[in-house]
PDB file of N, CA and C in Angstrom:
ATOM      1  N   MET A   1     -13.096   3.584  -8.757  1.00  0.00           N
ATOM      2  CA  MET A   1     -13.158   2.206  -8.269  1.00  0.00           C
ATOM      3  C   MET A   1     -12.284   1.320  -9.321  1.00  0.00           C
ATOM      4  N   ALA A   2     -11.938   0.363  -8.944  1.00  0.00           N
ATOM      5  CA  ALA A   2     -11.185  -0.736  -9.658  1.00  0.00           C
ATOM      6  C   ALA A   2     -11.818  -1.988  -9.637  1.00  0.00           C
ATOM      7  N   TRP A   3     -11.443  -2.963 -10.597  1.00  0.00           N
ATOM      8  CA  TRP A   3     -11.949  -4.288 -10.598  1.00  0.00           C
ATOM      9  C   TRP A   3     -11.025  -5.387 -10.148  1.00  0.00           C
ATOM     10  N   LEU A   4     -11.455  -6.187  -9.234  1.00  0.00           N
ATOM     11  CA  LEU A   4     -10.668  -7.534  -8.989  1.00  0.00           C
ATOM     12  C   LEU A   4     -11.046  -8.310  -9.860  1.00  0.00           C
ATOM     13  N   MET A   5     -10.046  -9.052 -10.254  1.00  0.00           N
ATOM     14  CA  MET A   5     -10.174  -9.925 -11.551  1.00  0.00           C
ATOM     15  C   MET A   5      -9.171 -11.336 -11.180  1.00  0.00           C
ATOM     16  N   ARG A   6      -9.611 -12.491 -11.778  1.00  0.00           N
ATOM     17  CA  ARG A   6      -8.994 -13.744 -11.493  1.00  0.00           C
ATOM     18  C   ARG A   6      -9.171 -14.460 -13.001  1.00  0.00           C
ATOM     19  N   ASP A   7      -8.027 -14.676 -13.611  1.00  0.00           N
ATOM     20  CA  ASP A   7      -8.159 -15.363 -14.982  1.00  0.00           C
ATOM     21  C   ASP A   7      -9.122 -14.638 -15.993  1.00  0.00           C
ATOM     22  N   GLY A   8      -8.924 -13.299 -16.068  1.00  0.00           N
ATOM     23  CA  GLY A   8      -9.956 -12.460 -16.825  1.00  0.00           C
ATOM     24  C   GLY A   8     -11.156 -12.288 -16.641  1.00  0.00           C
ATOM     25  N   GLN A   9     -11.593 -12.952 -15.446  1.00  0.00           N
ATOM     26  CA  GLN A   9     -13.092 -12.871 -14.813  1.00  0.00           C
ATOM     27  C   GLN A   9     -13.199 -11.974 -13.624  1.00  0.00           C
ATOM     28  N   VAL A  10     -14.091 -10.779 -13.902  1.00  0.00           N
ATOM     29  CA  VAL A  10     -14.248  -9.832 -12.925  1.00  0.00           C
ATOM     30  C   VAL A  10     -14.988 -10.546 -11.605  1.00  0.00           C
ATOM     31  N   LEU A  11     -14.454 -10.451 -10.563  1.00  0.00           N
ATOM     32  CA  LEU A  11     -14.919 -10.980  -9.159  1.00  0.00           C
ATOM     33  C   LEU A  11     -15.865  -9.967  -8.487  1.00  0.00           C
ATOM     34  N   ALA A  12     -15.132  -8.855  -8.228  1.00  0.00           N
ATOM     35  CA  ALA A  12     -15.915  -7.667  -7.474  1.00  0.00           C
ATOM     36  C   ALA A  12     -15.259  -6.204  -7.782  1.00  0.00           C
ATOM     37  N   THR A  13     -15.836  -5.319  -7.415  1.00  0.00           N
ATOM     38  CA  THR A  13     -15.471  -4.013  -7.466  1.00  0.00           C
ATOM     39  C   THR A  13     -14.271  -4.157  -6.299  1.00  0.00           C
ATOM     40  N   VAL A  14     -13.282  -3.349  -6.336  1.00  0.00           N
ATOM     41  CA  VAL A  14     -12.215  -3.378  -5.373  1.00  0.00           C
ATOM     42  C   VAL A  14     -11.911  -1.911  -4.906  1.00  0.00           C
ATOM     43  N   GLU A  15     -11.846  -1.588  -3.655  1.00  0.00           N
ATOM     44  CA  GLU A  15     -11.227  -0.480  -3.231  1.00  0.00           C
ATOM     45  C   GLU A  15      -9.831  -0.578  -2.694  1.00  0.00           C
ATOM     46  N   VAL A  16      -8.693   0.159  -3.181  1.00  0.00           N
ATOM     47  CA  VAL A  16      -7.520  -0.115  -2.907  1.00  0.00           C
ATOM     48  C   VAL A  16      -6.948   0.905  -1.825  1.00  0.00           C
ATOM     49  N   ALA A  17      -6.450   0.328  -0.635  1.00  0.00           N
ATOM     50  CA  ALA A  17      -6.091   1.152   0.357  1.00  0.00           C
ATOM     51  C   ALA A  17      -4.615   1.161   0.479  1.00  0.00           C
ATOM     52  N   GLU A  18      -3.662   2.135  -0.080  1.00  0.00           N
ATOM     53  CA  GLU A  18      -2.460   2.381   0.014  1.00  0.00           C
ATOM     54  C   GLU A  18      -1.683   3.240   0.806  1.00  0.00           C
ATOM     55  N   THR A  19      -2.558   4.376   0.985  1.00  0.00           N
ATOM     56  CA  THR A  19      -2.001   5.428   1.915  1.00  0.00           C
ATOM     57  C   THR A  19      -2.058   4.955   3.474  1.00  0.00           C
ATOM     58  N   LEU A  20      -1.339   5.711   4.177  1.00  0.00           N
ATOM     59  CA  LEU A  20      -1.097   5.125   5.772  1.00  0.00           C
ATOM     60  C   LEU A  20      -2.525   5.467   6.273  1.00  0.00           C
ATOM     61  N   GLY A  21      -3.405   6.488   5.861  1.00  0.00           N
ATOM     62  CA  GLY A  21      -4.539   6.756   6.532  1.00  0.00           C
ATOM     63  C   GLY A  21      -5.596   5.830   6.086  1.00  0.00           C
ATOM     64  N   ALA A  22      -5.740   5.396   4.881  1.00  0.00           N
ATOM     65  CA  ALA A  22      -6.629   4.341   4.191  1.00  0.00           C
ATOM     66  C   ALA A  22      -6.473   2.938   4.806  1.00  0.00           C
ATOM     67  N   ARG A  23      -5.307   2.473   5.062  1.00  0.00           N
ATOM     68  CA  ARG A  23      -4.942   1.504   5.664  1.00  0.00           C
ATOM     69  C   ARG A  23      -5.294   1.334   7.111  1.00  0.00           C
ATOM     70  N   LEU A  24      -4.989   2.417   7.883  1.00  0.00           N
ATOM     71  CA  LEU A  24      -5.247   2.274   9.301  1.00  0.00           C
ATOM     72  C   LEU A  24      -7.131   2.360   9.383  1.00  0.00           C
ATOM     73  N   ARG A  25      -7.560   3.112   8.536  1.00  0.00           N
ATOM     74  CA  ARG A  25      -9.108   3.094   8.634  1.00  0.00           C
ATOM     75  C   ARG A  25      -9.672   1.828   8.311  1.00  0.00           C
ATOM     76  N   GLY A  26      -9.066   1.317   7.267  1.00  0.00           N
ATOM     77  CA  GLY A  26      -9.869  -0.187   6.738  1.00  0.00           C
ATOM     78  C   GLY A  26     -11.299  -0.117   6.747  1.00  0.00           C
ATOM     79  N   LEU A  27     -12.007  -1.084   7.564  1.00  0.00           N
ATOM     80  CA  LEU A  27     -13.347  -1.174   7.636  1.00  0.00           C
ATOM     81  C   LEU A  27     -13.836  -0.763   8.694  1.00  0.00           C
ATOM     82  N   MET A  28     -13.159  -0.011   9.627  1.00  0.00           N
ATOM     83  CA  MET A  28     -13.545   0.270  11.060  1.00  0.00           C
ATOM     84  C   MET A  28     -14.810   1.135  11.013  1.00  0.00           C
ATOM     85  N   GLY A  29     -15.866   1.108  11.466  1.00  0.00           N
ATOM     86  CA  GLY A  29     -16.929   2.021  11.504  1.00  0.00           C
ATOM     87  C   GLY A  29     -18.044   1.872  10.406  1.00  0.00           C
ATOM     88  N   ARG A  30     -17.523   1.000   9.440  1.00  0.00           N
ATOM     89  CA  ARG A  30     -18.548   0.969   8.150  1.00  0.00           C
ATOM     90  C   ARG A  30     -19.526   0.025   8.465  1.00  0.00           C
ATOM     91  N   PRO A  31     -20.717   0.267   8.103  1.00  0.00           N
ATOM     92  CA  PRO A  31     -21.808  -0.571   8.336  1.00  0.00           C
ATOM     93  C   PRO A  31     -21.854  -1.812   7.402  1.00  0.00           C
ATOM     94  N   ALA A  32     -21.255  -1.538   6.176  1.00  0.00           N
ATOM     95  CA  ALA A  32     -21.095  -2.904   5.390  1.00  0.00           C
ATOM     96  C   ALA A  32     -19.959  -2.637   4.272  1.00  0.00           C
ATOM     97  N   LEU A  33     -19.635  -3.578   3.647  1.00  0.00           N
ATOM     98  CA  LEU A  33     -18.662  -3.423   2.382  1.00  0.00           C
ATOM     99  C   LEU A  33     -19.280  -4.021   1.316  1.00  0.00           C
ATOM    100  N   GLU A  34     -19.338  -3.176   0.055  1.00  0.00           N
ATOM    101  CA  GLU A  34     -19.466  -3.390  -1.207  1.00  0.00           C
ATOM    102  C   GLU A  34     -18.494  -3.895  -2.068  1.00  0.00           C
ATOM    103  N   GLY A  35     -18.426  -5.284  -2.462  1.00  0.00           N
ATOM    104  CA  GLY A  35     -17.256  -5.619  -3.151  1.00  0.00           C
ATOM    105  C   GLY A  35     -16.104  -5.943  -2.362  1.00  0.00           C
ATOM    106  N   ALA A  36     -14.868  -5.373  -2.372  1.00  0.00           N
ATOM    107  CA  ALA A  36     -13.665  -5.906  -1.670  1.00  0.00           C
ATOM    108  C   ALA A  36     -12.949  -4.796  -1.132  1.00  0.00           C
ATOM    109  N   LEU A  37     -12.089  -4.815  -0.394  1.00  0.00           N
ATOM    110  CA  LEU A  37     -10.932  -3.792   0.250  1.00  0.00           C
ATOM    111  C   LEU A  37      -9.740  -4.563   0.118  1.00  0.00           C
ATOM    112  N   LEU A  38      -8.656  -3.966  -0.736  1.00  0.00           N
ATOM    113  CA  LEU A  38      -7.417  -4.539  -0.778  1.00  0.00           C
ATOM    114  C   LEU A  38      -6.324  -3.577  -0.008  1.00  0.00           C
ATOM    115  N   VAL A  39      -5.678  -3.966   0.865  1.00  0.00           N
ATOM    116  CA  VAL A  39      -4.871  -3.195   1.725  1.00  0.00           C
ATOM    117  C   VAL A  39      -3.477  -3.534   1.422  1.00  0.00           C
ATOM    118  N   ARG A  40      -2.631  -2.705   1.017  1.00  0.00           N
ATOM    119  CA  ARG A  40      -1.122  -2.925   0.873  1.00  0.00           C
ATOM    120  C   ARG A  40      -0.458  -1.847   1.252  1.00  0.00           C
ATOM    121  N   PRO A  41       0.842  -2.116   1.608  1.00  0.00           N
ATOM    122  CA  PRO A  41       1.354  -3.163   2.241  1.00  0.00           C
ATOM    123  C   PRO A  41       0.576  -3.547   3.598  1.00  0.00           C
ATOM    124  N   ALA A  42       0.550  -5.023   3.614  1.00  0.00           N
ATOM    125  CA  ALA A  42      -0.061  -5.494   4.886  1.00  0.00           C
ATOM    126  C   ALA A  42       0.343  -7.057   5.174  1.00  0.00           C
ATOM    127  N   ARG A  43       0.533  -7.601   6.268  1.00  0.00           N
ATOM    128  CA  ARG A  43       0.578  -8.889   6.553  1.00  0.00           C
ATOM    129  C   ARG A  43      -0.247  -9.421   7.554  1.00  0.00           C
ATOM    130  N   SER A  44      -1.146  -8.659   7.956  1.00  0.00           N
ATOM    131  CA  SER A  44      -1.864  -9.049   9.014  1.00  0.00           C
ATOM    132  C   SER A  44      -3.505  -8.351   8.904  1.00  0.00           C
ATOM    133  N   TRP A  45      -4.315  -8.815   9.659  1.00  0.00           N
ATOM    134  CA  TRP A  45      -5.764  -8.243   9.544  1.00  0.00           C
ATOM    135  C   TRP A  45      -6.296  -8.471  10.938  1.00  0.00           C
ATOM    136  N   HIS A  46      -7.272  -7.567  11.281  1.00  0.00           N
ATOM    137  CA  HIS A  46      -8.020  -7.616  12.370  1.00  0.00           C
ATOM    138  C   HIS A  46      -9.517  -7.009  12.087  1.00  0.00           C
ATOM    139  N   THR A  47     -10.535  -7.480  12.872  1.00  0.00           N
ATOM    140  CA  THR A  47     -11.873  -6.913  12.780  1.00  0.00           C
ATOM    141  C   THR A  47     -12.182  -5.874  14.023  1.00  0.00           C
ATOM    142  N   LEU A  48     -11.324  -5.503  14.649  1.00  0.00           N
ATOM    143  CA  LEU A  48     -11.736  -4.724  15.713  1.00  0.00           C
ATOM    144  C   LEU A  48     -12.284  -3.363  15.211  1.00  0.00           C
ATOM    145  N   GLY A  49     -13.525  -3.029  15.652  1.00  0.00           N
ATOM    146  CA  GLY A  49     -14.258  -1.879  15.278  1.00  0.00           C
ATOM    147  C   GLY A  49     -15.090  -2.091  14.013  1.00  0.00           C
ATOM    148  N   THR A  50     -15.150  -3.617  13.585  1.00  0.00           N
ATOM    149  CA  THR A  50     -15.655  -3.897  12.256  1.00  0.00           C
ATOM    150  C   THR A  50     -17.086  -4.512  12.804  1.00  0.00           C
ATOM    151  N   ARG A  51     -18.210  -4.185  12.139  1.00  0.00           N
ATOM    152  CA  ARG A  51     -19.480  -4.405  12.601  1.00  0.00           C
ATOM    153  C   ARG A  51     -20.034  -5.808  11.888  1.00  0.00           C
ATOM    154  N   PHE A  52     -19.272  -6.619  11.122  1.00  0.00           N
ATOM    155  CA  PHE A  52     -19.798  -7.672  10.379  1.00  0.00           C
ATOM    156  C   PHE A  52     -18.310  -8.665  10.033  1.00  0.00           C
ATOM    157  N   ALA A  53     -18.944  -9.800   9.781  1.00  0.00           N
ATOM    158  CA  ALA A  53     -17.900 -10.794   9.481  1.00  0.00           C
ATOM    159  C   ALA A  53     -17.248 -10.549   8.045  1.00  0.00           C
ATOM    160  N   VAL A  54     -16.130 -11.127   7.902  1.00  0.00           N
ATOM    161  CA  VAL A  54     -15.247 -10.834   6.667  1.00  0.00           C
ATOM    162  C   VAL A  54     -14.342 -11.874   6.345  1.00  0.00           C
ATOM    163  N   ASP A  55     -14.483 -12.226   5.000  1.00  0.00           N
ATOM    164  CA  ASP A  55     -13.524 -13.260   4.571  1.00  0.00           C
ATOM    165  C   ASP A  55     -12.295 -12.419   4.318  1.00  0.00           C
ATOM    166  N   VAL A  56     -10.954 -13.010   4.691  1.00  0.00           N
ATOM    167  CA  VAL A  56      -9.823 -12.422   4.251  1.00  0.00           C
ATOM    168  C   VAL A  56      -8.886 -13.195   3.748  1.00  0.00           C
ATOM    169  N   ALA A  57      -8.286 -12.645   2.668  1.00  0.00           N
ATOM    170  CA  ALA A  57      -7.141 -13.481   1.907  1.00  0.00           C
ATOM    171  C   ALA A  57      -5.855 -12.811   1.979  1.00  0.00           C
ATOM    172  N   TYR A  58      -5.048 -13.511   2.447  1.00  0.00           N
ATOM    173  CA  TYR A  58      -3.467 -13.125   2.720  1.00  0.00           C
ATOM    174  C   TYR A  58      -2.824 -13.274   1.182  1.00  0.00           C
ATOM    175  N   CYS A  59      -2.432 -12.175   0.721  1.00  0.00           N
ATOM    176  CA  CYS A  59      -1.806 -12.487  -0.590  1.00  0.00           C
ATOM    177  C   CYS A  59      -0.048 -12.160  -0.489  1.00  0.00           C
ATOM    178  N   ASP A  60       0.423 -12.828  -1.445  1.00  0.00           N
ATOM    179  CA  ASP A  60       1.908 -12.370  -1.536  1.00  0.00           C
ATOM    180  C   ASP A  60       2.038 -10.899  -2.352  1.00  0.00           C
ATOM    181  N   PRO A  61       3.351 -10.390  -2.554  1.00  0.00           N
ATOM    182  CA  PRO A  61       3.346  -9.131  -3.239  1.00  0.00           C
ATOM    183  C   PRO A  61       2.850  -9.041  -4.726  1.00  0.00           C
ATOM    184  N   GLU A  62       2.774 -10.452  -5.441  1.00  0.00           N
ATOM    185  CA  GLU A  62       2.178 -10.433  -6.852  1.00  0.00           C
ATOM    186  C   GLU A  62       0.833 -10.802  -6.770  1.00  0.00           C
ATOM    187  N   LEU A  63       0.309 -10.635  -5.670  1.00  0.00           N
ATOM    188  CA  LEU A  63      -1.294 -10.928  -5.454  1.00  0.00           C
ATOM    189  C   LEU A  63      -1.692 -12.579  -5.780  1.00  0.00           C
ATOM    190  N   VAL A  64      -0.848 -13.401  -5.311  1.00  0.00           N
ATOM    191  CA  VAL A  64      -1.213 -14.493  -5.231  1.00  0.00           C
ATOM    192  C   VAL A  64      -1.634 -15.105  -3.989  1.00  0.00           C
ATOM    193  N   VAL A  65      -2.905 -15.691  -3.967  1.00  0.00           N
ATOM    194  CA  VAL A  65      -3.652 -15.939  -2.675  1.00  0.00           C
ATOM    195  C   VAL A  65      -2.636 -16.901  -1.931  1.00  0.00           C
ATOM    196  N   LEU A  66      -2.169 -16.721  -0.443  1.00  0.00           N
ATOM    197  CA  LEU A  66      -1.465 -17.560   0.187  1.00  0.00           C
ATOM    198  C   LEU A  66      -2.482 -18.438   1.029  1.00  0.00           C
ATOM    199  N   SER A  67      -3.484 -17.881   1.797  1.00  0.00           N
ATOM    200  CA  SER A  67      -4.397 -18.429   2.640  1.00  0.00           C
ATOM    201  C   SER A  67      -5.595 -17.588   2.790  1.00  0.00           C
ATOM    202  N   VAL A  68      -6.658 -18.280   3.093  1.00  0.00           N
ATOM    203  CA  VAL A  68      -7.968 -17.410   3.217  1.00  0.00           C
ATOM    204  C   VAL A  68      -8.697 -18.084   4.641  1.00  0.00           C
ATOM    205  N   VAL A  69      -9.190 -16.959   5.175  1.00  0.00           N
ATOM    206  CA  VAL A  69      -9.782 -17.210   6.603  1.00  0.00           C
ATOM    207  C   VAL A  69     -10.927 -16.421   6.580  1.00  0.00           C
ATOM    208  N   THR A  70     -11.893 -16.736   7.681  1.00  0.00           N
ATOM    209  CA  THR A  70     -13.190 -15.770   7.841  1.00  0.00           C
ATOM    210  C   THR A  70     -13.104 -15.287   9.229  1.00  0.00           C
ATOM    211  N   LEU A  71     -13.157 -14.225   9.626  1.00  0.00           N
ATOM    212  CA  LEU A  71     -13.020 -13.614  10.701  1.00  0.00           C
ATOM    213  C   LEU A  71     -14.468 -12.725  10.948  1.00  0.00           C
ATOM    214  N   ARG A  72     -14.879 -13.061  12.441  1.00  0.00           N
ATOM    215  CA  ARG A  72     -15.961 -12.533  12.918  1.00  0.00           C
ATOM    216  C   ARG A  72     -15.562 -10.911  13.507  1.00  0.00           C
ATOM    217  N   PRO A  73     -16.486 -10.137  13.940  1.00  0.00           N
ATOM    218  CA  PRO A  73     -16.113  -8.802  14.519  1.00  0.00           C
ATOM    219  C   PRO A  73     -15.217  -9.061  15.656  1.00  0.00           C
ATOM    220  N   PHE A  74     -14.419  -8.149  15.845  1.00  0.00           N
ATOM    221  CA  PHE A  74     -13.530  -8.039  17.063  1.00  0.00           C
ATOM    222  C   PHE A  74     -12.550  -9.216  17.217  1.00  0.00           C
ATOM    223  N   ARG A  75     -11.949  -9.712  16.056  1.00  0.00           N
ATOM    224  CA  ARG A  75     -10.892 -11.030  15.971  1.00  0.00           C
ATOM    225  C   ARG A  75      -9.801 -10.207  15.655  1.00  0.00           C
ATOM    226  N   LEU A  76      -8.572 -11.124  15.833  1.00  0.00           N
ATOM    227  CA  LEU A  76      -7.265 -10.742  15.420  1.00  0.00           C
ATOM    228  C   LEU A  76      -6.838 -11.774  14.686  1.00  0.00           C
ATOM    229  N   GLY A  77      -6.508 -11.692  13.168  1.00  0.00           N
ATOM    230  CA  GLY A  77      -5.841 -12.484  12.317  1.00  0.00           C
ATOM    231  C   GLY A  77      -4.330 -12.895  12.738  1.00  0.00           C
ATOM    232  N   VAL A  78      -4.003 -14.005  12.295  1.00  0.00           N
ATOM    233  CA  VAL A  78      -2.619 -14.114  12.621  1.00  0.00           C
ATOM    234  C   VAL A  78      -1.918 -13.816  11.265  1.00  0.00           C
ATOM    235  N   PRO A  79      -0.565 -12.757  11.622  1.00  0.00           N
ATOM    236  CA  PRO A  79       0.058 -12.485  10.527  1.00  0.00           C
ATOM    237  C   PRO A  79       0.808 -13.593   9.809  1.00  0.00           C
ATOM    238  N   ARG A  80       0.736 -12.990   8.401  1.00  0.00           N
ATOM    239  CA  ARG A  80       1.481 -14.184   7.394  1.00  0.00           C
ATOM    240  C   ARG A  80       2.795 -13.314   6.990  1.00  0.00           C
ATOM    241  N   LEU A  81       3.867 -14.018   7.256  1.00  0.00           N
ATOM    242  CA  LEU A  81       5.247 -13.365   7.001  1.00  0.00           C
ATOM    243  C   LEU A  81       5.350 -13.163   5.384  1.00  0.00           C
ATOM    244  N   ARG A  82       5.028 -13.896   4.723  1.00  0.00           N
ATOM    245  CA  ARG A  82       5.057 -13.906   3.142  1.00  0.00           C
ATOM    246  C   ARG A  82       4.036 -12.881   2.525  1.00  0.00           C
ATOM    247  N   ALA A  83       3.238 -12.374   3.234  1.00  0.00           N
ATOM    248  CA  ALA A  83       2.166 -11.470   2.819  1.00  0.00           C
ATOM    249  C   ALA A  83       2.531 -10.113   2.300  1.00  0.00           C
ATOM    250  N   GLY A  84       1.881  -9.635   1.194  1.00  0.00           N
ATOM    251  CA  GLY A  84       2.227  -8.173   0.809  1.00  0.00           C
ATOM    252  C   GLY A  84       1.140  -7.251   0.880  1.00  0.00           C
ATOM    253  N   SER A  85      -0.039  -8.118   0.916  1.00  0.00           N
ATOM    254  CA  SER A  85      -1.278  -7.575   0.902  1.00  0.00           C
ATOM    255  C   SER A  85      -2.349  -8.363   1.539  1.00  0.00           C
ATOM    256  N   VAL A  86      -3.412  -7.773   1.894  1.00  0.00           N
ATOM    257  CA  VAL A  86      -4.688  -8.220   2.486  1.00  0.00           C
ATOM    258  C   VAL A  86      -5.898  -7.890   1.767  1.00  0.00           C
ATOM    259  N   LEU A  87      -6.780  -8.896   1.334  1.00  0.00           N
ATOM    260  CA  LEU A  87      -7.993  -8.571   0.695  1.00  0.00           C
ATOM    261  C   LEU A  87      -8.998  -9.196   1.590  1.00  0.00           C
ATOM    262  N   ALA A  88      -9.972  -8.129   1.672  1.00  0.00           N
ATOM    263  CA  ALA A  88     -11.209  -8.448   2.748  1.00  0.00           C
ATOM    264  C   ALA A  88     -12.596  -8.234   1.803  1.00  0.00           C
ATOM    265  N   ALA A  89     -13.582  -9.131   2.105  1.00  0.00           N
ATOM    266  CA  ALA A  89     -14.740  -8.909   1.633  1.00  0.00           C
ATOM    267  C   ALA A  89     -15.743  -9.563   2.451  1.00  0.00           C
ATOM    268  N   PRO A  90     -17.041  -9.286   2.328  1.00  0.00           N
ATOM    269  CA  PRO A  90     -17.947  -9.588   3.359  1.00  0.00           C
ATOM    270  C   PRO A  90     -17.966 -11.312   3.287  1.00  0.00           C
ATOM    271  N   ALA A  91     -18.183 -11.771   4.607  1.00  0.00           N
ATOM    272  CA  ALA A  91     -18.299 -13.131   4.681  1.00  0.00           C
ATOM    273  C   ALA A  91     -19.192 -13.811   3.736  1.00  0.00           C
ATOM    274  N   GLY A  92     -18.543 -14.855   3.310  1.00  0.00           N
ATOM    275  CA  GLY A  92     -19.186 -15.722   2.235  1.00  0.00           C
ATOM    276  C   GLY A  92     -18.886 -15.447   0.554  1.00  0.00           C
ATOM    277  N   ALA A  93     -18.375 -14.096   0.455  1.00  0.00           N
ATOM    278  CA  ALA A  93     -17.986 -13.805  -0.789  1.00  0.00           C
ATOM    279  C   ALA A  93     -16.856 -14.773  -1.485  1.00  0.00           C
ATOM    280  N   PHE A  94     -15.889 -15.123  -0.779  1.00  0.00           N
ATOM    281  CA  PHE A  94     -14.946 -16.078  -1.380  1.00  0.00           C
ATOM    282  C   PHE A  94     -15.393 -17.354  -1.835  1.00  0.00           C
ATOM    283  N   GLU A  95     -16.416 -17.757  -1.142  1.00  0.00           N
ATOM    284  CA  GLU A  95     -17.072 -19.071  -1.527  1.00  0.00           C
ATOM    285  C   GLU A  95     -17.649 -18.763  -2.642  1.00  0.00           C
ATOM    286  N   ARG A  96     -18.494 -17.791  -3.006  1.00  0.00           N
ATOM    287  CA  ARG A  96     -19.239 -17.615  -4.063  1.00  0.00           C
ATOM    288  C   ARG A  96     -18.315 -17.474  -5.283  1.00  0.00           C
ATOM    289  N   TRP A  97     -17.138 -16.547  -5.034  1.00  0.00           N
ATOM    290  CA  TRP A  97     -16.233 -16.419  -6.260  1.00  0.00           C
ATOM    291  C   TRP A  97     -15.311 -17.574  -6.375  1.00  0.00           C
ATOM    292  N   GLY A  98     -15.307 -18.647  -5.577  1.00  0.00           N
ATOM    293  CA  GLY A  98     -14.389 -19.856  -5.605  1.00  0.00           C
ATOM    294  C   GLY A  98     -13.120 -19.472  -5.220  1.00  0.00           C
ATOM    295  N   LEU A  99     -12.571 -18.400  -4.585  1.00  0.00           N
ATOM    296  CA  LEU A  99     -11.390 -18.105  -4.263  1.00  0.00           C
ATOM    297  C   LEU A  99     -10.645 -19.031  -3.462  1.00  0.00           C
ATOM    298  N   ARG A 100      -9.397 -19.591  -3.877  1.00  0.00           N
ATOM    299  CA  ARG A 100      -8.790 -20.571  -3.055  1.00  0.00           C
ATOM    300  C   ARG A 100      -7.221 -20.091  -2.905  1.00  0.00           C
ATOM    301  N   PRO A 101      -6.352 -20.534  -2.140  1.00  0.00           N
ATOM    302  CA  PRO A 101      -4.870 -20.542  -2.253  1.00  0.00           C
ATOM    303  C   PRO A 101      -4.546 -20.923  -3.294  1.00  0.00           C
ATOM    304  N   GLY A 102      -3.262 -20.063  -3.796  1.00  0.00           N
ATOM    305  CA  GLY A 102      -2.871 -20.326  -5.256  1.00  0.00           C
ATOM    306  C   GLY A 102      -3.331 -19.502  -6.249  1.00  0.00           C
ATOM    307  N   ASP A 103      -4.580 -18.730  -6.047  1.00  0.00           N
ATOM    308  CA  ASP A 103      -5.289 -18.172  -7.033  1.00  0.00           C
ATOM    309  C   ASP A 103      -4.579 -16.707  -7.377  1.00  0.00           C
ATOM    310  N   GLN A 104      -4.283 -16.428  -8.590  1.00  0.00           N
ATOM    311  CA  GLN A 104      -3.508 -15.324  -9.087  1.00  0.00           C
ATOM    312  C   GLN A 104      -4.585 -14.142  -9.385  1.00  0.00           C
ATOM    313  N   LEU A 105      -4.522 -13.148  -8.521  1.00  0.00           N
ATOM    314  CA  LEU A 105      -5.520 -11.979  -8.828  1.00  0.00           C
ATOM    315  C   LEU A 105      -4.736 -10.728  -9.260  1.00  0.00           C
ATOM    316  N   GLU A 106      -5.581  -9.919  -9.888  1.00  0.00           N
ATOM    317  CA  GLU A 106      -5.114  -8.696 -10.469  1.00  0.00           C
ATOM    318  C   GLU A 106      -6.071  -7.706 -10.206  1.00  0.00           C
ATOM    319  N   VAL A 107      -5.686  -6.461 -10.101  1.00  0.00           N
ATOM    320  CA  VAL A 107      -6.594  -5.107 -10.064  1.00  0.00           C
ATOM    321  C   VAL A 107      -6.482  -4.370 -11.145  1.00  0.00           C
ATOM    322  N   LYS A 108      -7.531  -4.158 -11.800  1.00  0.00           N
ATOM    323  CA  LYS A 108      -7.422  -3.281 -13.195  1.00  0.00           C
ATOM    324  C   LYS A 108      -8.426  -1.995 -12.981  1.00  0.00           C
ATOM    325  N   GLY A 109      -8.061  -0.912 -13.528  1.00  0.00           N
ATOM    326  CA  GLY A 109      -8.760   0.176 -13.524  1.00  0.00           C
ATOM    327  C   GLY A 109      -8.393   1.228 -12.470  1.00  0.00           C
TER     328      GLY A 109
END
């Protein structure tokens, strides 16, 4: 497991999904998510088959946050053409972390 960081501060543990199988599986069928899930490459997100609401951050290829939304189960997010990855966490996590567009994220570990 890796760490999701911003400005040297650990925000959460993060699972990185980079293989086709891991990207396709995403959060489908999971009862919950501990920490966060980073899917790359990705330009869009959906919560079809997801049992809980999630905060979604669309990030550029350098992990700068472009936009942040909250999606309830069985919703489709609008694709972001400039996005290179998507970060998902349980709803309310981004507010606790103070995550905003323009934040530079990094994954360590």
